[in-house]
Protein backbone atom coordinates (compact mmCIF):
# COMPACT_ATOMS: atom_id res chain seq x y z
CA MET A 1 131.25 115.33 105.71
CA THR A 2 130.74 115.15 102.36
CA ALA A 3 128.93 118.18 100.03
CA LEU A 4 126.07 117.97 97.34
CA LEU A 5 127.14 118.67 94.03
CA ALA A 6 123.83 120.53 92.28
CA PRO A 7 123.63 122.77 89.92
CA GLN A 8 123.55 126.42 90.55
CA GLU A 9 119.99 126.65 89.77
CA TYR A 10 119.04 123.79 92.96
CA ARG A 11 122.29 124.80 95.28
CA GLU A 12 120.53 127.71 97.18
CA ARG A 13 116.94 125.98 97.11
CA LEU A 14 118.52 122.51 98.77
CA ALA A 15 120.25 124.79 101.04
CA GLU A 16 117.15 127.07 102.55
CA SER A 17 116.02 123.34 103.29
CA GLY A 18 119.36 122.44 105.35
CA LEU A 19 120.38 120.32 102.57
CA ARG A 20 123.92 120.65 102.35
CA THR A 21 125.60 116.99 102.86
CA LEU A 22 124.74 113.62 101.98
CA GLN A 23 124.67 113.33 105.95
CA ASP A 24 121.56 115.60 105.65
CA VAL A 25 119.76 113.77 102.72
CA VAL A 26 120.32 110.52 104.84
CA ASP A 27 118.83 112.28 108.13
CA GLN A 28 115.75 114.03 106.18
CA ALA A 29 114.75 111.46 103.49
CA THR A 30 112.24 108.89 104.02
CA CYS A 31 113.39 105.54 103.05
CA ILE A 32 110.94 104.05 100.50
CA ARG A 33 112.75 100.69 99.18
CA ASP A 34 116.04 99.31 101.49
CA LEU A 35 118.32 96.48 99.97
CA ARG A 36 121.45 95.15 101.13
CA ASP A 37 123.28 97.00 98.52
CA ARG A 38 120.91 99.82 97.95
CA SER A 39 117.99 102.02 98.70
CA ASN A 40 115.62 104.63 97.19
CA LEU A 41 114.53 107.64 99.34
CA GLU A 42 111.88 110.58 98.79
CA LEU A 43 112.66 113.98 99.99
CA GLU A 44 111.23 117.50 99.72
CA ALA A 45 113.09 120.79 99.92
CA GLY A 46 110.59 123.04 99.14
CA ALA A 47 108.73 122.79 96.88
CA LEU A 48 110.79 120.43 95.23
CA ARG A 49 110.31 116.36 95.56
CA ILE A 50 112.98 114.76 94.86
CA PHE A 51 113.74 110.81 94.30
CA VAL A 52 116.90 109.87 95.94
CA LYS A 53 118.97 106.43 95.23
CA ARG A 54 121.51 105.23 97.22
CA GLU A 55 123.82 102.75 96.37
CA LYS A 56 125.61 101.70 99.17
CA ARG A 57 128.83 100.35 98.53
CA ARG A 58 129.79 102.04 95.42
CA ARG A 59 132.40 105.01 95.06
CA SER A 60 130.47 106.34 91.62
CA SER A 61 126.72 106.30 91.12
CA ARG A 62 125.48 104.06 88.15
CA GLU A 63 122.36 106.11 87.80
CA ALA A 64 124.10 109.38 87.80
CA GLU A 65 126.01 108.31 85.25
CA GLY A 66 123.52 106.30 83.01
CA ILE A 67 121.35 109.20 83.02
CA ALA A 68 123.94 111.52 82.13
CA ARG A 69 124.81 109.18 78.96
CA ALA A 70 121.24 109.27 78.11
CA GLN A 71 120.79 112.58 78.50
CA GLN A 72 123.70 112.76 75.87
CA ALA A 73 121.98 110.32 73.52
CA ARG A 74 119.13 113.33 73.72
CA VAL A 75 117.18 110.61 75.69
CA PRO A 76 114.14 112.16 77.97
CA THR A 77 114.51 111.37 81.13
CA ALA A 78 114.60 112.91 85.19
CA GLU A 79 116.43 115.82 85.44
CA VAL A 80 118.96 115.47 88.31
CA VAL A 81 119.10 117.95 91.43
CA PHE A 82 122.34 116.29 93.10
CA ARG A 83 124.61 114.05 93.41
CA GLY A 84 127.47 113.29 95.57
CA VAL A 85 129.63 110.00 96.78
CA ASP A 86 130.78 109.38 100.57
CA PRO A 87 133.34 106.98 101.81
CA GLU A 88 131.09 106.06 104.30
CA LEU A 89 127.58 106.58 102.99
CA GLY A 90 127.67 105.19 99.58
CA ALA A 91 127.15 107.40 96.18
CA PHE A 92 123.95 109.08 95.58
CA VAL A 93 121.70 110.72 92.84
CA GLY A 94 118.06 112.81 93.16
CA THR A 95 116.44 113.45 90.34
CA LEU A 96 113.38 116.05 90.15
CA ASP A 97 109.60 114.49 90.56
CA LEU A 98 108.08 113.43 87.26
CA ALA A 99 104.54 114.57 88.50
CA PRO A 100 102.30 114.69 86.28
CA ALA A 101 103.56 112.11 84.77
CA ARG A 102 103.07 108.57 85.74
CA PRO A 103 104.33 104.86 84.92
CA LEU A 104 102.99 103.70 82.15
CA ASP A 105 101.87 100.50 82.85
CA ASP A 106 99.91 102.03 85.70
CA LEU A 107 98.11 104.47 82.68
CA LEU A 108 97.49 101.73 80.90
CA ARG A 109 96.22 99.78 83.97
CA GLU A 110 93.75 102.50 84.65
CA ALA A 111 92.85 103.06 81.23
CA VAL A 112 93.04 106.67 81.99
CA LEU A 113 94.34 107.67 78.17
CA SER A 114 92.07 107.27 75.34
CA PRO A 115 93.27 105.17 72.34
CA ARG A 116 94.67 107.99 70.57
CA GLU A 117 96.83 108.59 73.20
CA VAL A 118 97.98 105.63 74.06
CA ARG A 119 99.14 105.64 69.92
CA ARG A 120 100.75 109.12 70.60
CA VAL A 121 102.53 108.19 73.87
CA PHE A 122 103.80 105.03 72.48
CA ALA A 123 105.01 106.85 69.40
CA ALA A 124 106.62 109.49 71.62
CA LEU A 125 108.17 106.42 73.65
CA ALA A 126 109.61 104.82 69.98
CA ASP A 127 111.16 108.30 69.58
CA ALA A 128 112.97 107.93 73.10
CA VAL A 129 113.42 103.82 72.59
CA ALA A 130 115.78 104.67 68.94
CA SER A 131 117.50 107.93 70.26
CA LEU A 132 118.71 105.48 73.32
CA HIS A 133 119.64 102.58 71.36
CA ASP A 134 121.31 104.18 68.28
CA ALA A 135 123.53 105.95 70.97
CA ARG A 136 124.60 102.03 71.19
CA LEU A 137 123.05 102.13 74.62
CA ASN A 138 120.63 99.49 76.23
CA HIS A 139 118.55 99.84 79.29
CA ARG A 140 118.49 96.57 80.42
CA ASP A 141 115.44 97.09 82.27
CA LEU A 142 112.82 98.64 79.57
CA TYR A 143 110.16 97.99 81.48
CA LEU A 144 106.64 100.05 81.65
CA CYS A 145 107.25 101.02 85.31
CA HIS A 146 110.23 102.50 84.10
CA VAL A 147 108.70 104.85 81.66
CA PHE A 148 106.58 107.57 82.76
CA ALA A 149 104.37 109.46 80.80
CA ARG A 150 101.87 112.25 80.75
CA MET A 151 99.84 114.29 77.70
CA ASP A 152 100.09 118.44 77.76
CA ASP A 153 99.12 120.76 75.26
CA ASP A 154 102.51 120.00 73.36
CA GLY A 155 101.41 116.21 72.93
CA ALA A 156 102.67 112.75 74.28
CA GLN A 157 105.76 113.44 76.76
CA VAL A 158 107.81 110.62 77.92
CA ALA A 159 110.69 109.97 80.15
CA LEU A 160 113.08 106.88 80.98
CA ILE A 161 113.87 106.86 84.31
CA ASP A 162 116.30 103.40 86.22
CA PHE A 163 119.46 103.53 84.37
CA GLU A 164 121.29 101.78 86.83
CA ARG A 165 122.03 98.67 84.46
CA LEU A 166 122.71 100.84 81.24
CA ARG A 167 125.49 99.68 79.11
CA LYS A 168 127.07 100.24 76.31
CA HIS A 169 126.08 97.23 73.06
CA ARG A 170 127.54 96.64 69.34
CA ARG A 171 124.75 95.61 67.06
CA LEU A 172 122.70 97.61 65.27
CA LEU A 173 119.46 95.42 66.38
CA GLY A 174 121.71 92.65 68.47
CA PRO A 175 120.82 90.75 71.60
CA ARG A 176 120.48 93.41 74.00
CA VAL A 177 118.57 95.74 71.84
CA VAL A 178 115.79 92.99 70.91
CA LYS A 179 115.49 92.08 74.71
CA ASP A 180 115.27 95.49 76.00
CA LEU A 181 112.44 95.74 73.02
CA ALA A 182 110.72 92.62 74.41
CA ALA A 183 111.17 93.77 77.99
CA MET A 184 108.67 96.62 77.10
CA PHE A 185 106.40 94.90 75.21
CA SER A 186 106.44 92.12 78.23
CA SER A 187 105.31 94.15 80.55
CA ILE A 188 102.20 95.70 78.79
CA PRO A 189 99.12 94.97 80.93
CA GLU A 190 96.97 91.95 78.73
CA GLY A 191 94.13 93.65 77.05
CA THR A 192 95.07 97.29 77.34
CA THR A 193 96.50 97.65 73.56
CA SER A 194 95.31 96.34 69.89
CA LYS A 195 97.01 93.56 68.56
CA HIS A 196 98.50 95.94 66.06
CA HIS A 197 100.75 97.96 69.04
CA MET A 198 103.58 96.26 68.53
CA ALA A 199 103.95 96.39 64.93
CA ARG A 200 103.31 100.12 64.64
CA PHE A 201 105.63 100.68 67.53
CA LEU A 202 108.56 98.56 65.64
CA LEU A 203 107.89 100.62 62.15
CA ARG A 204 108.20 103.70 63.80
CA TYR A 205 111.30 102.76 65.92
CA MET A 206 112.91 101.50 62.69
CA ARG A 207 111.81 104.26 60.74
CA ARG A 208 113.15 106.69 63.23
CA ARG A 209 116.94 104.66 63.13
CA GLY A 210 116.50 104.62 59.58
CA ILE A 211 116.51 100.37 59.49
CA PRO A 212 114.63 99.51 55.98
CA ARG A 213 111.46 97.93 57.08
CA ARG A 214 111.50 95.61 53.68
CA GLY A 215 113.66 92.22 54.93
CA VAL A 216 114.22 93.24 58.27
CA TYR A 217 110.66 93.59 60.13
CA PRO A 218 109.32 90.44 60.14
CA GLY A 219 112.67 88.47 61.67
CA LEU A 220 113.08 91.58 64.18
CA ALA A 221 109.21 91.23 65.01
CA ARG A 222 109.85 87.13 65.75
CA ARG A 223 112.68 87.67 67.64
CA VAL A 224 111.19 90.04 70.14
CA ARG A 225 108.30 87.65 70.13
CA ARG A 226 110.41 84.59 70.96
CA THR A 227 112.38 87.33 73.44
CA MET A 228 108.68 88.19 75.10
CA ALA A 229 107.55 84.36 75.63
CA ARG A 230 110.82 83.30 77.42
CA ILE A 231 110.86 86.72 80.04
CA GLN A 232 107.03 85.78 80.21
CA ARG A 233 107.86 82.21 81.41
CA HIS A 234 110.20 83.45 84.13
CA VAL A 235 109.95 85.80 87.11
CA PRO A 236 112.11 88.78 86.60
CA GLN A 237 114.32 89.64 89.22
CA THR A 238 113.30 93.27 89.20
CA PRO A 239 109.55 93.72 89.98
CA VAL A 240 107.66 94.83 87.18
CA GLY A 241 104.54 97.08 87.47
CA GLN A 242 102.72 97.79 90.41
CA ALA A 243 105.20 95.16 92.50
CA ALA A 244 107.75 97.38 91.99
CA ARG A 245 106.88 100.32 93.55
CA PRO A 246 106.13 100.44 97.22
CA THR A 247 102.68 100.08 99.12
CA ASP A 248 100.98 102.64 100.91
CA SER A 249 102.46 100.60 104.35
CA ALA A 250 106.44 101.12 103.25
């Protein structure tokens, strides 16, 4: 049986909960979504709550690889607790629960954040997305259900998740970058942000990337809006918002 690959700080805590192999993970975890080629599971190891992505027919975990690349780019994301690949079971990665952070679309829909906090969260998100794109990476599923946010004493904190489809891009503001931005804006629940929200976000994003506003911003904003319109005309392959998460009966 394939042993878990875990940082030293987690290895003993996992072992104390009887989690030494990938088979142990399968036996102890609760499945919250099961598809033909992949599944999502939840697991508890003592005080640790862990979310597990299993890619059933893969020899490596695209999610683990994407997280590693994002972390190299200094993009905030979930901490990896373990990973591993088994010829029969597939590729796994377990990440630490991000609570008390919650999906940003839910926070907006429920009006949990004040207008000032919303601005601060989106400023932090602009910085994170700028870091991602500066590393010539595009997320490809940058919906707000994949952005976890919270407020603490240090201000707004965000973390991006779901890096399974992460890819390299070549152009500074090419179509893949625009699609990331448009996906994010298209998943904002209607009526939860001001009409100036996109402008503030894009200007901070451009400033963080060192892109001059003059002569660039109007064209970028138009391209993002056009791509948003195309996204909103189609049902996305990956469910957005509340539909992306399991119900209580799952």
